[in-house]
Amino acid sequence: MLPFLRSGDFVIASRLFIAVSIDDLVLVRHPEYGHIIKRVAKTCPKKGLWLQGDGEQSVTSEQIGWISLAQVDAKALFFIKNKSVKHRGE
């Protein structure tokens, strides 16, 4: 989820959520990529969620495919940025 989330950042997520909306960050179980955090780009009642990453090197939406709501383990609620970790370009 670079550049929004970086190594060392903390994500506070909840398994108890009522709805998932466009731009939410979700933790999903993907059969090929394991547990991943992605941003919701589209929702469809019949297909589920279409996810995207924020970074150029992210797994593409096409590679991920549609994700069912049953694959969503949690919805991100808060983010704690790790200020002590320096990243390239900073």
PDB file of N, CA and C in Angstrom:
ATOM      1  N   MET A   1       0.814  -1.205   0.000  1.00  0.00           N
ATOM      2  CA  MET A   1       0.000   0.000   0.000  1.00  0.00           C
ATOM      3  C   MET A   1       0.853   1.262   0.000  1.00  0.00           C
ATOM      4  N   LEU A   2       2.130   1.106  -0.423  1.00  0.00           N
ATOM      5  CA  LEU A   2       2.956   2.303  -0.586  1.00  0.00           C
ATOM      6  C   LEU A   2       2.309   3.242  -1.586  1.00  0.00           C
ATOM      7  N   PRO A   3       2.321   4.502  -1.436  1.00  0.00           N
ATOM      8  CA  PRO A   3       3.019   5.255  -0.406  1.00  0.00           C
ATOM      9  C   PRO A   3       2.177   5.516   0.845  1.00  0.00           C
ATOM     10  N   PHE A   4       0.893   5.145   0.847  1.00  0.00           N
ATOM     11  CA  PHE A   4       0.037   5.438   2.001  1.00  0.00           C
ATOM     12  C   PHE A   4       0.507   4.701   3.244  1.00  0.00           C
ATOM     13  N   LEU A   5       0.710   3.391   3.146  1.00  0.00           N
ATOM     14  CA  LEU A   5       1.227   2.596   4.257  1.00  0.00           C
ATOM     15  C   LEU A   5       2.650   2.179   3.925  1.00  0.00           C
ATOM     16  N   ARG A   6       3.516   2.225   4.945  1.00  0.00           N
ATOM     17  CA  ARG A   6       4.919   1.863   4.754  1.00  0.00           C
ATOM     18  C   ARG A   6       5.331   0.835   5.792  1.00  0.00           C
ATOM     19  N   SER A   7       6.437   0.184   5.528  1.00  0.00           N
ATOM     20  CA  SER A   7       6.969  -0.782   6.467  1.00  0.00           C
ATOM     21  C   SER A   7       7.128  -0.119   7.836  1.00  0.00           C
ATOM     22  N   GLY A   8       6.630  -0.769   8.875  1.00  0.00           N
ATOM     23  CA  GLY A   8       6.713  -0.223  10.227  1.00  0.00           C
ATOM     24  C   GLY A   8       5.479   0.522  10.677  1.00  0.00           C
ATOM     25  N   ASP A   9       4.564   0.868   9.757  1.00  0.00           N
ATOM     26  CA  ASP A   9       3.305   1.502  10.136  1.00  0.00           C
ATOM     27  C   ASP A   9       2.395   0.451  10.774  1.00  0.00           C
ATOM     28  N   PHE A  10       1.501   0.908  11.629  1.00  0.00           N
ATOM     29  CA  PHE A  10       0.537   0.014  12.266  1.00  0.00           C
ATOM     30  C   PHE A  10      -0.851   0.288  11.718  1.00  0.00           C
ATOM     31  N   VAL A  11      -1.611  -0.787  11.530  1.00  0.00           N
ATOM     32  CA  VAL A  11      -2.979  -0.680  11.062  1.00  0.00           C
ATOM     33  C   VAL A  11      -3.884  -1.263  12.141  1.00  0.00           C
ATOM     34  N   ILE A  12      -4.841  -0.473  12.591  1.00  0.00           N
ATOM     35  CA  ILE A  12      -5.848  -0.947  13.542  1.00  0.00           C
ATOM     36  C   ILE A  12      -7.067  -1.311  12.712  1.00  0.00           C
ATOM     37  N   ALA A  13      -7.416  -2.588  12.755  1.00  0.00           N
ATOM     38  CA  ALA A  13      -8.523  -3.081  11.927  1.00  0.00           C
ATOM     39  C   ALA A  13      -9.528  -3.819  12.793  1.00  0.00           C
ATOM     40  N   SER A  14     -10.735  -3.933  12.292  1.00  0.00           N
ATOM     41  CA  SER A  14     -11.795  -4.617  13.029  1.00  0.00           C
ATOM     42  C   SER A  14     -12.465  -5.661  12.139  1.00  0.00           C
ATOM     43  N   ARG A  15     -12.743  -6.788  12.744  1.00  0.00           N
ATOM     44  CA  ARG A  15     -13.523  -7.822  12.045  1.00  0.00           C
ATOM     45  C   ARG A  15     -15.017  -7.516  12.121  1.00  0.00           C
ATOM     46  N   LEU A  16     -15.375  -6.594  12.993  1.00  0.00           N
ATOM     47  CA  LEU A  16     -16.773  -6.217  13.162  1.00  0.00           C
ATOM     48  C   LEU A  16     -17.036  -4.931  12.387  1.00  0.00           C
ATOM     49  N   PHE A  17     -17.631  -5.057  11.229  1.00  0.00           N
ATOM     50  CA  PHE A  17     -17.967  -3.884  10.422  1.00  0.00           C
ATOM     51  C   PHE A  17     -19.311  -4.131   9.749  1.00  0.00           C
ATOM     52  N   ILE A  18     -20.022  -3.050   9.518  1.00  0.00           N
ATOM     53  CA  ILE A  18     -21.358  -3.153   8.932  1.00  0.00           C
ATOM     54  C   ILE A  18     -21.300  -3.166   7.411  1.00  0.00           C
ATOM     55  N   ALA A  19     -20.467  -2.299   6.857  1.00  0.00           N
ATOM     56  CA  ALA A  19     -20.406  -2.175   5.404  1.00  0.00           C
ATOM     57  C   ALA A  19     -18.985  -1.875   4.967  1.00  0.00           C
ATOM     58  N   VAL A  20     -18.722  -2.161   3.704  1.00  0.00           N
ATOM     59  CA  VAL A  20     -17.461  -1.811   3.068  1.00  0.00           C
ATOM     60  C   VAL A  20     -17.798  -0.870   1.927  1.00  0.00           C
ATOM     61  N   SER A  21     -17.081   0.259   1.872  1.00  0.00           N
ATOM     62  CA  SER A  21     -17.361   1.279   0.863  1.00  0.00           C
ATOM     63  C   SER A  21     -16.128   1.549   0.018  1.00  0.00           C
ATOM     64  N   ILE A  22     -16.336   2.230  -1.090  1.00  0.00           N
ATOM     65  CA  ILE A  22     -15.239   2.638  -1.955  1.00  0.00           C
ATOM     66  C   ILE A  22     -14.267   3.493  -1.146  1.00  0.00           C
ATOM     67  N   ASP A  23     -12.979   3.272  -1.336  1.00  0.00           N
ATOM     68  CA  ASP A  23     -11.841   3.923  -0.669  1.00  0.00           C
ATOM     69  C   ASP A  23     -11.506   3.340   0.695  1.00  0.00           C
ATOM     70  N   ASP A  24     -12.310   2.410   1.222  1.00  0.00           N
ATOM     71  CA  ASP A  24     -11.944   1.732   2.471  1.00  0.00           C
ATOM     72  C   ASP A  24     -10.731   0.846   2.223  1.00  0.00           C
ATOM     73  N   LEU A  25      -9.903   0.663   3.256  1.00  0.00           N
ATOM     74  CA  LEU A  25      -8.825  -0.316   3.202  1.00  0.00           C
ATOM     75  C   LEU A  25      -9.304  -1.573   3.899  1.00  0.00           C
ATOM     76  N   VAL A  26      -9.085  -2.714   3.253  1.00  0.00           N
ATOM     77  CA  VAL A  26      -9.535  -3.981   3.812  1.00  0.00           C
ATOM     78  C   VAL A  26      -8.392  -4.988   3.814  1.00  0.00           C
ATOM     79  N   LEU A  27      -8.426  -5.884   4.791  1.00  0.00           N
ATOM     80  CA  LEU A  27      -7.508  -7.005   4.867  1.00  0.00           C
ATOM     81  C   LEU A  27      -8.262  -8.213   4.325  1.00  0.00           C
ATOM     82  N   VAL A  28      -7.730  -8.806   3.256  1.00  0.00           N
ATOM     83  CA  VAL A  28      -8.427  -9.933   2.618  1.00  0.00           C
ATOM     84  C   VAL A  28      -7.513 -11.157   2.551  1.00  0.00           C
ATOM     85  N   ARG A  29      -8.153 -12.319   2.462  1.00  0.00           N
ATOM     86  CA  ARG A  29      -7.465 -13.589   2.236  1.00  0.00           C
ATOM     87  C   ARG A  29      -7.570 -13.908   0.749  1.00  0.00           C
ATOM     88  N   HIS A  30      -6.457 -13.881   0.070  1.00  0.00           N
ATOM     89  CA  HIS A  30      -6.452 -14.180  -1.361  1.00  0.00           C
ATOM     90  C   HIS A  30      -5.819 -15.557  -1.550  1.00  0.00           C
ATOM     91  N   PRO A  31      -6.408 -16.404  -2.401  1.00  0.00           N
ATOM     92  CA  PRO A  31      -5.874 -17.761  -2.547  1.00  0.00           C
ATOM     93  C   PRO A  31      -4.444 -17.807  -3.078  1.00  0.00           C
ATOM     94  N   GLU A  32      -4.025 -16.824  -3.853  1.00  0.00           N
ATOM     95  CA  GLU A  32      -2.670 -16.819  -4.415  1.00  0.00           C
ATOM     96  C   GLU A  32      -1.712 -15.919  -3.640  1.00  0.00           C
ATOM     97  N   TYR A  33      -2.186 -14.774  -3.144  1.00  0.00           N
ATOM     98  CA  TYR A  33      -1.311 -13.773  -2.524  1.00  0.00           C
ATOM     99  C   TYR A  33      -1.355 -13.778  -1.003  1.00  0.00           C
ATOM    100  N   GLY A  34      -2.161 -14.629  -0.403  1.00  0.00           N
ATOM    101  CA  GLY A  34      -2.257 -14.681   1.056  1.00  0.00           C
ATOM    102  C   GLY A  34      -3.009 -13.484   1.611  1.00  0.00           C
ATOM    103  N   HIS A  35      -2.630 -13.035   2.805  1.00  0.00           N
ATOM    104  CA  HIS A  35      -3.266 -11.863   3.415  1.00  0.00           C
ATOM    105  C   HIS A  35      -2.681 -10.603   2.797  1.00  0.00           C
ATOM    106  N   ILE A  36      -3.546  -9.767   2.262  1.00  0.00           N
ATOM    107  CA  ILE A  36      -3.114  -8.506   1.657  1.00  0.00           C
ATOM    108  C   ILE A  36      -4.031  -7.382   2.106  1.00  0.00           C
ATOM    109  N   ILE A  37      -3.485  -6.170   2.130  1.00  0.00           N
ATOM    110  CA  ILE A  37      -4.277  -4.976   2.413  1.00  0.00           C
ATOM    111  C   ILE A  37      -4.403  -4.203   1.120  1.00  0.00           C
ATOM    112  N   LYS A  38      -5.637  -3.918   0.734  1.00  0.00           N
ATOM    113  CA  LYS A  38      -5.898  -3.191  -0.508  1.00  0.00           C
ATOM    114  C   LYS A  38      -7.035  -2.203  -0.291  1.00  0.00           C
ATOM    115  N   ARG A  39      -7.126  -1.256  -1.222  1.00  0.00           N
ATOM    116  CA  ARG A  39      -8.180  -0.240  -1.190  1.00  0.00           C
ATOM    117  C   ARG A  39      -9.340  -0.711  -2.065  1.00  0.00           C
ATOM    118  N   VAL A  40     -10.573  -0.497  -1.589  1.00  0.00           N
ATOM    119  CA  VAL A  40     -11.758  -0.864  -2.369  1.00  0.00           C
ATOM    120  C   VAL A  40     -11.956   0.169  -3.478  1.00  0.00           C
ATOM    121  N   ALA A  41     -11.958  -0.306  -4.721  1.00  0.00           N
ATOM    122  CA  ALA A  41     -12.139   0.572  -5.882  1.00  0.00           C
ATOM    123  C   ALA A  41     -13.581   0.544  -6.376  1.00  0.00           C
ATOM    124  N   LYS A  42     -14.209  -0.639  -6.319  1.00  0.00           N
ATOM    125  CA  LYS A  42     -15.596  -0.803  -6.778  1.00  0.00           C
ATOM    126  C   LYS A  42     -16.284  -1.828  -5.890  1.00  0.00           C
ATOM    127  N   THR A  43     -17.597  -1.706  -5.812  1.00  0.00           N
ATOM    128  CA  THR A  43     -18.403  -2.728  -5.142  1.00  0.00           C
ATOM    129  C   THR A  43     -19.506  -3.165  -6.100  1.00  0.00           C
ATOM    130  N   CYS A  44     -19.846  -4.442  -6.026  1.00  0.00           N
ATOM    131  CA  CYS A  44     -20.918  -4.988  -6.856  1.00  0.00           C
ATOM    132  C   CYS A  44     -21.639  -6.046  -6.030  1.00  0.00           C
ATOM    133  N   PRO A  45     -22.950  -5.915  -5.860  1.00  0.00           N
ATOM    134  CA  PRO A  45     -23.676  -6.883  -5.037  1.00  0.00           C
ATOM    135  C   PRO A  45     -23.482  -8.339  -5.489  1.00  0.00           C
ATOM    136  N   LYS A  46     -23.358  -8.567  -6.779  1.00  0.00           N
ATOM    137  CA  LYS A  46     -23.231  -9.941  -7.278  1.00  0.00           C
ATOM    138  C   LYS A  46     -21.789 -10.430  -7.324  1.00  0.00           C
ATOM    139  N   LYS A  47     -20.844  -9.542  -7.601  1.00  0.00           N
ATOM    140  CA  LYS A  47     -19.444  -9.954  -7.776  1.00  0.00           C
ATOM    141  C   LYS A  47     -18.608  -9.777  -6.524  1.00  0.00           C
ATOM    142  N   GLY A  48     -18.916  -8.782  -5.712  1.00  0.00           N
ATOM    143  CA  GLY A  48     -18.139  -8.520  -4.506  1.00  0.00           C
ATOM    144  C   GLY A  48     -17.371  -7.216  -4.589  1.00  0.00           C
ATOM    145  N   LEU A  49     -16.058  -7.276  -4.303  1.00  0.00           N
ATOM    146  CA  LEU A  49     -15.219  -6.078  -4.243  1.00  0.00           C
ATOM    147  C   LEU A  49     -14.127  -6.130  -5.303  1.00  0.00           C
ATOM    148  N   TRP A  50     -13.866  -4.996  -5.916  1.00  0.00           N
ATOM    149  CA  TRP A  50     -12.743  -4.840  -6.838  1.00  0.00           C
ATOM    150  C   TRP A  50     -11.727  -3.983  -6.103  1.00  0.00           C
ATOM    151  N   LEU A  51     -10.544  -4.534  -5.897  1.00  0.00           N
ATOM    152  CA  LEU A  51      -9.546  -3.891  -5.062  1.00  0.00           C
ATOM    153  C   LEU A  51      -8.405  -3.317  -5.893  1.00  0.00           C
ATOM    154  N   GLN A  52      -7.712  -2.334  -5.310  1.00  0.00           N
ATOM    155  CA  GLN A  52      -6.537  -1.774  -5.976  1.00  0.00           C
ATOM    156  C   GLN A  52      -5.507  -1.401  -4.922  1.00  0.00           C
ATOM    157  N   GLY A  53      -4.261  -1.345  -5.354  1.00  0.00           N
ATOM    158  CA  GLY A  53      -3.184  -0.885  -4.495  1.00  0.00           C
ATOM    159  C   GLY A  53      -2.875   0.567  -4.810  1.00  0.00           C
ATOM    160  N   ASP A  54      -2.131   1.204  -3.930  1.00  0.00           N
ATOM    161  CA  ASP A  54      -1.768   2.603  -4.137  1.00  0.00           C
ATOM    162  C   ASP A  54      -0.432   2.757  -4.855  1.00  0.00           C
ATOM    163  N   GLY A  55       0.420   1.749  -4.786  1.00  0.00           N
ATOM    164  CA  GLY A  55       1.770   1.861  -5.321  1.00  0.00           C
ATOM    165  C   GLY A  55       1.897   1.348  -6.738  1.00  0.00           C
ATOM    166  N   GLU A  56       2.957   1.821  -7.410  1.00  0.00           N
ATOM    167  CA  GLU A  56       3.216   1.400  -8.788  1.00  0.00           C
ATOM    168  C   GLU A  56       3.595  -0.077  -8.873  1.00  0.00           C
ATOM    169  N   GLN A  57       4.216  -0.617  -7.823  1.00  0.00           N
ATOM    170  CA  GLN A  57       4.653  -2.007  -7.833  1.00  0.00           C
ATOM    171  C   GLN A  57       3.640  -2.944  -7.193  1.00  0.00           C
ATOM    172  N   SER A  58       2.460  -2.446  -6.928  1.00  0.00           N
ATOM    173  CA  SER A  58       1.403  -3.228  -6.291  1.00  0.00           C
ATOM    174  C   SER A  58       0.885  -4.308  -7.242  1.00  0.00           C
ATOM    175  N   VAL A  59       0.387  -5.375  -6.666  1.00  0.00           N
ATOM    176  CA  VAL A  59      -0.327  -6.376  -7.451  1.00  0.00           C
ATOM    177  C   VAL A  59      -1.525  -5.674  -8.074  1.00  0.00           C
ATOM    178  N   THR A  60      -1.760  -5.892  -9.361  1.00  0.00           N
ATOM    179  CA  THR A  60      -2.829  -5.164 -10.047  1.00  0.00           C
ATOM    180  C   THR A  60      -4.212  -5.707  -9.691  1.00  0.00           C
ATOM    181  N   SER A  61      -5.195  -4.888  -9.945  1.00  0.00           N
ATOM    182  CA  SER A  61      -6.588  -5.288  -9.717  1.00  0.00           C
ATOM    183  C   SER A  61      -6.934  -6.504 -10.561  1.00  0.00           C
ATOM    184  N   GLU A  62      -6.434  -6.537 -11.775  1.00  0.00           N
ATOM    185  CA  GLU A  62      -6.712  -7.667 -12.667  1.00  0.00           C
ATOM    186  C   GLU A  62      -6.105  -8.958 -12.130  1.00  0.00           C
ATOM    187  N   GLN A  63      -4.919  -8.873 -11.517  1.00  0.00           N
ATOM    188  CA  GLN A  63      -4.300 -10.059 -10.933  1.00  0.00           C
ATOM    189  C   GLN A  63      -5.093 -10.555  -9.726  1.00  0.00           C
ATOM    190  N   ILE A  64      -5.630  -9.633  -8.956  1.00  0.00           N
ATOM    191  CA  ILE A  64      -6.396  -9.996  -7.759  1.00  0.00           C
ATOM    192  C   ILE A  64      -7.762 -10.538  -8.149  1.00  0.00           C
ATOM    193  N   GLY A  65      -8.429  -9.879  -9.082  1.00  0.00           N
ATOM    194  CA  GLY A  65      -9.782 -10.265  -9.474  1.00  0.00           C
ATOM    195  C   GLY A  65     -10.813  -9.820  -8.444  1.00  0.00           C
ATOM    196  N   TRP A  66     -12.043 -10.187  -8.675  1.00  0.00           N
ATOM    197  CA  TRP A  66     -13.123  -9.847  -7.744  1.00  0.00           C
ATOM    198  C   TRP A  66     -12.953 -10.643  -6.454  1.00  0.00           C
ATOM    199  N   ILE A  67     -13.206  -9.999  -5.328  1.00  0.00           N
ATOM    200  CA  ILE A  67     -13.079 -10.599  -3.997  1.00  0.00           C
ATOM    201  C   ILE A  67     -14.464 -10.657  -3.357  1.00  0.00           C
ATOM    202  N   SER A  68     -14.829 -11.820  -2.857  1.00  0.00           N
ATOM    203  CA  SER A  68     -16.119 -11.930  -2.171  1.00  0.00           C
ATOM    204  C   SER A  68     -16.012 -11.327  -0.774  1.00  0.00           C
ATOM    205  N   LEU A  69     -17.133 -10.899  -0.231  1.00  0.00           N
ATOM    206  CA  LEU A  69     -17.138 -10.358   1.133  1.00  0.00           C
ATOM    207  C   LEU A  69     -16.681 -11.397   2.156  1.00  0.00           C
ATOM    208  N   ALA A  70     -16.875 -12.684   1.842  1.00  0.00           N
ATOM    209  CA  ALA A  70     -16.423 -13.739   2.753  1.00  0.00           C
ATOM    210  C   ALA A  70     -14.900 -13.774   2.877  1.00  0.00           C
ATOM    211  N   GLN A  71     -14.179 -13.227   1.909  1.00  0.00           N
ATOM    212  CA  GLN A  71     -12.715 -13.196   1.944  1.00  0.00           C
ATOM    213  C   GLN A  71     -12.175 -12.009   2.739  1.00  0.00           C
ATOM    214  N   VAL A  72     -13.043 -11.080   3.117  1.00  0.00           N
ATOM    215  CA  VAL A  72     -12.620  -9.909   3.875  1.00  0.00           C
ATOM    216  C   VAL A  72     -12.516 -10.297   5.348  1.00  0.00           C
ATOM    217  N   ASP A  73     -11.291 -10.237   5.879  1.00  0.00           N
ATOM    218  CA  ASP A  73     -11.072 -10.573   7.286  1.00  0.00           C
ATOM    219  C   ASP A  73     -11.298  -9.384   8.206  1.00  0.00           C
ATOM    220  N   ALA A  74     -10.995  -8.173   7.711  1.00  0.00           N
ATOM    221  CA  ALA A  74     -11.134  -6.990   8.566  1.00  0.00           C
ATOM    222  C   ALA A  74     -11.148  -5.728   7.706  1.00  0.00           C
ATOM    223  N   LYS A  75     -11.656  -4.673   8.310  1.00  0.00           N
ATOM    224  CA  LYS A  75     -11.668  -3.353   7.686  1.00  0.00           C
ATOM    225  C   LYS A  75     -10.771  -2.444   8.514  1.00  0.00           C
ATOM    226  N   ALA A  76      -9.852  -1.737   7.853  1.00  0.00           N
ATOM    227  CA  ALA A  76      -8.931  -0.847   8.554  1.00  0.00           C
ATOM    228  C   ALA A  76      -9.692   0.363   9.086  1.00  0.00           C
ATOM    229  N   LEU A  77      -9.419   0.708  10.345  1.00  0.00           N
ATOM    230  CA  LEU A  77     -10.096   1.831  10.982  1.00  0.00           C
ATOM    231  C   LEU A  77      -9.165   3.010  11.234  1.00  0.00           C
ATOM    232  N   PHE A  78      -7.948   2.713  11.716  1.00  0.00           N
ATOM    233  CA  PHE A  78      -6.978   3.753  12.064  1.00  0.00           C
ATOM    234  C   PHE A  78      -5.596   3.331  11.600  1.00  0.00           C
ATOM    235  N   PHE A  79      -4.730   4.323  11.430  1.00  0.00           N
ATOM    236  CA  PHE A  79      -3.364   4.070  10.998  1.00  0.00           C
ATOM    237  C   PHE A  79      -2.421   4.840  11.903  1.00  0.00           C
ATOM    238  N   ILE A  80      -1.359   4.187  12.323  1.00  0.00           N
ATOM    239  CA  ILE A  80      -0.331   4.830  13.133  1.00  0.00           C
ATOM    240  C   ILE A  80       0.956   4.784  12.322  1.00  0.00           C
ATOM    241  N   LYS A  81       1.430   5.961  11.927  1.00  0.00           N
ATOM    242  CA  LYS A  81       2.619   6.052  11.101  1.00  0.00           C
ATOM    243  C   LYS A  81       3.863   5.918  11.966  1.00  0.00           C
ATOM    244  N   ASN A  82       4.821   5.099  11.527  1.00  0.00           N
ATOM    245  CA  ASN A  82       6.080   4.919  12.220  1.00  0.00           C
ATOM    246  C   ASN A  82       7.037   6.004  11.733  1.00  0.00           C
ATOM    247  N   LYS A  83       7.210   7.044  12.538  1.00  0.00           N
ATOM    248  CA  LYS A  83       8.040   8.198  12.160  1.00  0.00           C
ATOM    249  C   LYS A  83       9.528   7.888  12.242  1.00  0.00           C
ATOM    250  N   SER A  84       9.915   6.810  12.944  1.00  0.00           N
ATOM    251  CA  SER A  84      11.331   6.531  13.137  1.00  0.00           C
ATOM    252  C   SER A  84      11.962   5.826  11.932  1.00  0.00           C
ATOM    253  N   VAL A  85      11.148   5.308  11.033  1.00  0.00           N
ATOM    254  CA  VAL A  85      11.669   4.598   9.862  1.00  0.00           C
ATOM    255  C   VAL A  85      11.800   5.568   8.714  1.00  0.00           C
ATOM    256  N   LYS A  86      13.009   5.682   8.161  1.00  0.00           N
ATOM    257  CA  LYS A  86      13.238   6.543   7.000  1.00  0.00           C
ATOM    258  C   LYS A  86      13.059   5.729   5.731  1.00  0.00           C
ATOM    259  N   HIS A  87      12.461   6.347   4.742  1.00  0.00           N
ATOM    260  CA  HIS A  87      12.192   5.683   3.469  1.00  0.00           C
ATOM    261  C   HIS A  87      12.943   6.399   2.359  1.00  0.00           C
ATOM    262  N   ARG A  88      13.161   5.710   1.272  1.00  0.00           N
ATOM    263  CA  ARG A  88      13.827   6.318   0.131  1.00  0.00           C
ATOM    264  C   ARG A  88      13.101   7.591  -0.282  1.00  0.00           C
ATOM    265  N   GLY A  89      13.869   8.623  -0.568  1.00  0.00           N
ATOM    266  CA  GLY A  89      13.278   9.873  -1.022  1.00  0.00           C
ATOM    267  C   GLY A  89      12.857  10.813   0.095  1.00  0.00           C
ATOM    268  N   GLU A  90      13.078  10.435   1.340  1.00  0.00           N
ATOM    269  CA  GLU A  90      12.674  11.310   2.460  1.00  0.00           C
ATOM    270  C   GLU A  90      13.880  11.951   3.087  1.00  0.00           C
TER     271      GLU A  90
END
